[in-house]
Amino acid sequence: MLNGILKKVLFVLVVVVIFQNWGKIERVLNPSGVVSEQTRASARVVLYSTEWCGYCKATRRFLG
């Protein structure tokens, strides 16, 4: 009886771990979906912000 319960608990734990790491698993199975570093470097970002917002200032500094 205890053996059956442990198998069910282990199964649930495995399902939860797979669910939490699905993004990593998907990148391993489908590497073509990964954005190249060159594409990432040439991407344009439009930032709509205000002068008085501290978060906007931090984001401007982060984006360079």
N, C-alpha and C. Protein backbone atom coordinates (compact mmCIF):
# COMPACT_ATOMS: atom_id res chain seq x y z
N MET A 1 0.82 -1.19 0.00
CA MET A 1 0.00 0.00 0.00
C MET A 1 0.86 1.25 0.00
N LEU A 2 1.87 1.28 0.85
CA LEU A 2 2.75 2.45 0.93
C LEU A 2 3.52 2.62 -0.38
N ASN A 3 3.87 1.52 -1.01
CA ASN A 3 4.60 1.57 -2.27
C ASN A 3 3.78 2.26 -3.36
N GLY A 4 2.49 1.99 -3.41
CA GLY A 4 1.60 2.60 -4.39
C GLY A 4 1.46 4.10 -4.17
N ILE A 5 1.38 4.51 -2.91
CA ILE A 5 1.26 5.93 -2.58
C ILE A 5 2.54 6.66 -2.97
N LEU A 6 3.69 6.05 -2.69
CA LEU A 6 4.96 6.68 -3.04
C LEU A 6 5.11 6.84 -4.55
N LYS A 7 4.63 5.87 -5.31
CA LYS A 7 4.69 5.97 -6.77
C LYS A 7 3.83 7.14 -7.26
N LYS A 8 2.66 7.31 -6.67
CA LYS A 8 1.77 8.41 -7.06
C LYS A 8 2.39 9.76 -6.70
N VAL A 9 2.98 9.85 -5.52
CA VAL A 9 3.62 11.11 -5.10
C VAL A 9 4.80 11.42 -6.01
N LEU A 10 5.60 10.43 -6.33
CA LEU A 10 6.73 10.62 -7.23
C LEU A 10 6.26 11.07 -8.61
N PHE A 11 5.19 10.48 -9.10
CA PHE A 11 4.64 10.86 -10.40
C PHE A 11 4.19 12.31 -10.40
N VAL A 12 3.50 12.72 -9.34
CA VAL A 12 3.04 14.11 -9.23
C VAL A 12 4.24 15.06 -9.18
N LEU A 13 5.27 14.71 -8.44
CA LEU A 13 6.46 15.55 -8.36
C LEU A 13 7.14 15.69 -9.72
N VAL A 14 7.23 14.60 -10.46
CA VAL A 14 7.84 14.65 -11.79
C VAL A 14 7.02 15.54 -12.71
N VAL A 15 5.72 15.44 -12.67
CA VAL A 15 4.85 16.28 -13.50
C VAL A 15 5.03 17.75 -13.14
N VAL A 16 5.10 18.07 -11.87
CA VAL A 16 5.28 19.46 -11.44
C VAL A 16 6.63 20.00 -11.90
N VAL A 17 7.68 19.22 -11.76
CA VAL A 17 9.01 19.67 -12.19
C VAL A 17 9.05 19.89 -13.70
N ILE A 18 8.45 19.00 -14.46
CA ILE A 18 8.40 19.18 -15.91
C ILE A 18 7.60 20.43 -16.26
N PHE A 19 6.50 20.66 -15.59
CA PHE A 19 5.67 21.83 -15.86
C PHE A 19 6.44 23.12 -15.56
N GLN A 20 7.17 23.15 -14.46
CA GLN A 20 7.91 24.35 -14.08
C GLN A 20 9.07 24.65 -15.01
N ASN A 21 9.65 23.63 -15.61
CA ASN A 21 10.81 23.81 -16.48
C ASN A 21 10.48 23.62 -17.96
N TRP A 22 9.22 23.78 -18.33
CA TRP A 22 8.82 23.50 -19.71
C TRP A 22 9.53 24.41 -20.70
N GLY A 23 9.79 25.66 -20.35
CA GLY A 23 10.49 26.57 -21.25
C GLY A 23 11.88 26.08 -21.59
N LYS A 24 12.60 25.59 -20.59
CA LYS A 24 13.94 25.06 -20.82
C LYS A 24 13.89 23.79 -21.66
N ILE A 25 12.93 22.94 -21.38
CA ILE A 25 12.79 21.70 -22.13
C ILE A 25 12.45 22.00 -23.59
N GLU A 26 11.58 22.97 -23.81
CA GLU A 26 11.19 23.33 -25.17
C GLU A 26 12.37 23.88 -25.97
N ARG A 27 13.24 24.68 -25.32
CA ARG A 27 14.42 25.20 -26.00
C ARG A 27 15.38 24.08 -26.40
N VAL A 28 15.48 23.05 -25.58
CA VAL A 28 16.36 21.92 -25.92
C VAL A 28 15.78 21.12 -27.08
N LEU A 29 14.47 20.92 -27.09
CA LEU A 29 13.83 20.14 -28.14
C LEU A 29 13.69 20.90 -29.45
N ASN A 30 13.58 22.24 -29.38
CA ASN A 30 13.37 23.06 -30.57
C ASN A 30 14.35 24.24 -30.56
N PRO A 31 15.62 24.00 -30.87
CA PRO A 31 16.62 25.08 -30.78
C PRO A 31 16.48 26.15 -31.85
N SER A 32 15.73 25.90 -32.92
CA SER A 32 15.59 26.89 -33.98
C SER A 32 14.79 28.10 -33.52
N GLY A 33 14.02 27.97 -32.47
CA GLY A 33 13.23 29.08 -31.97
C GLY A 33 14.03 30.06 -31.13
N VAL A 34 15.28 29.75 -30.85
CA VAL A 34 16.11 30.61 -30.04
C VAL A 34 16.58 31.78 -30.89
N VAL A 35 16.47 32.99 -30.34
CA VAL A 35 16.88 34.19 -31.06
C VAL A 35 18.39 34.31 -31.01
N SER A 36 19.00 34.57 -32.16
CA SER A 36 20.45 34.68 -32.20
C SER A 36 20.91 35.97 -31.53
N GLU A 37 22.17 36.01 -31.14
CA GLU A 37 22.73 37.19 -30.48
C GLU A 37 22.77 38.38 -31.43
N GLN A 38 23.00 38.14 -32.71
CA GLN A 38 23.04 39.23 -33.69
C GLN A 38 21.65 39.85 -33.84
N THR A 39 20.63 39.03 -33.88
CA THR A 39 19.26 39.54 -33.98
C THR A 39 18.90 40.33 -32.73
N ARG A 40 19.31 39.83 -31.60
CA ARG A 40 19.02 40.50 -30.34
C ARG A 40 19.73 41.85 -30.26
N ALA A 41 20.97 41.93 -30.78
CA ALA A 41 21.75 43.17 -30.73
C ALA A 41 21.19 44.22 -31.67
N SER A 42 20.59 43.82 -32.78
CA SER A 42 20.08 44.78 -33.75
C SER A 42 18.61 45.13 -33.51
N ALA A 43 17.99 44.57 -32.51
CA ALA A 43 16.58 44.84 -32.23
C ALA A 43 16.40 46.26 -31.71
N ARG A 44 15.33 46.90 -32.13
CA ARG A 44 15.03 48.26 -31.67
C ARG A 44 13.96 48.19 -30.59
N VAL A 45 14.13 49.04 -29.58
CA VAL A 45 13.18 49.11 -28.49
C VAL A 45 12.70 50.55 -28.38
N VAL A 46 11.38 50.74 -28.35
CA VAL A 46 10.81 52.06 -28.16
C VAL A 46 10.33 52.13 -26.72
N LEU A 47 10.86 53.11 -25.97
CA LEU A 47 10.51 53.27 -24.57
C LEU A 47 9.69 54.54 -24.40
N TYR A 48 8.46 54.40 -24.00
CA TYR A 48 7.61 55.54 -23.69
C TYR A 48 7.73 55.79 -22.20
N SER A 49 8.19 56.99 -21.85
CA SER A 49 8.47 57.25 -20.44
C SER A 49 8.21 58.71 -20.10
N THR A 50 8.35 59.01 -18.82
CA THR A 50 8.25 60.39 -18.34
C THR A 50 9.58 60.77 -17.71
N GLU A 51 9.77 62.07 -17.52
CA GLU A 51 11.01 62.55 -16.91
C GLU A 51 11.04 62.33 -15.40
N TRP A 52 9.87 62.33 -14.77
CA TRP A 52 9.81 62.29 -13.31
C TRP A 52 9.74 60.87 -12.75
N CYS A 53 9.56 59.87 -13.58
CA CYS A 53 9.38 58.49 -13.11
C CYS A 53 10.73 57.83 -12.84
N GLY A 54 10.92 57.35 -11.63
CA GLY A 54 12.16 56.68 -11.26
C GLY A 54 12.37 55.37 -12.00
N TYR A 55 11.30 54.62 -12.22
CA TYR A 55 11.41 53.37 -12.97
C TYR A 55 11.80 53.63 -14.42
N CYS A 56 11.26 54.70 -14.99
CA CYS A 56 11.61 55.05 -16.37
C CYS A 56 13.09 55.42 -16.47
N LYS A 57 13.58 56.17 -15.50
CA LYS A 57 15.00 56.55 -15.50
C LYS A 57 15.89 55.31 -15.39
N ALA A 58 15.52 54.40 -14.53
CA ALA A 58 16.30 53.17 -14.37
C ALA A 58 16.27 52.34 -15.65
N THR A 59 15.13 52.29 -16.31
CA THR A 59 15.02 51.53 -17.55
C THR A 59 15.85 52.17 -18.65
N ARG A 60 15.83 53.52 -18.73
CA ARG A 60 16.65 54.22 -19.72
C ARG A 60 18.13 53.92 -19.51
N ARG A 61 18.57 53.91 -18.25
CA ARG A 61 19.97 53.60 -17.95
C ARG A 61 20.29 52.16 -18.32
N PHE A 62 19.35 51.25 -18.06
CA PHE A 62 19.57 49.83 -18.36
C PHE A 62 19.69 49.59 -19.86
N LEU A 63 18.84 50.25 -20.64
CA LEU A 63 18.85 50.06 -22.08
C LEU A 63 19.97 50.83 -22.77
N GLY A 64 20.58 51.74 -22.06
CA GLY A 64 21.75 52.45 -22.61
C GLY A 64 21.34 53.64 -23.37
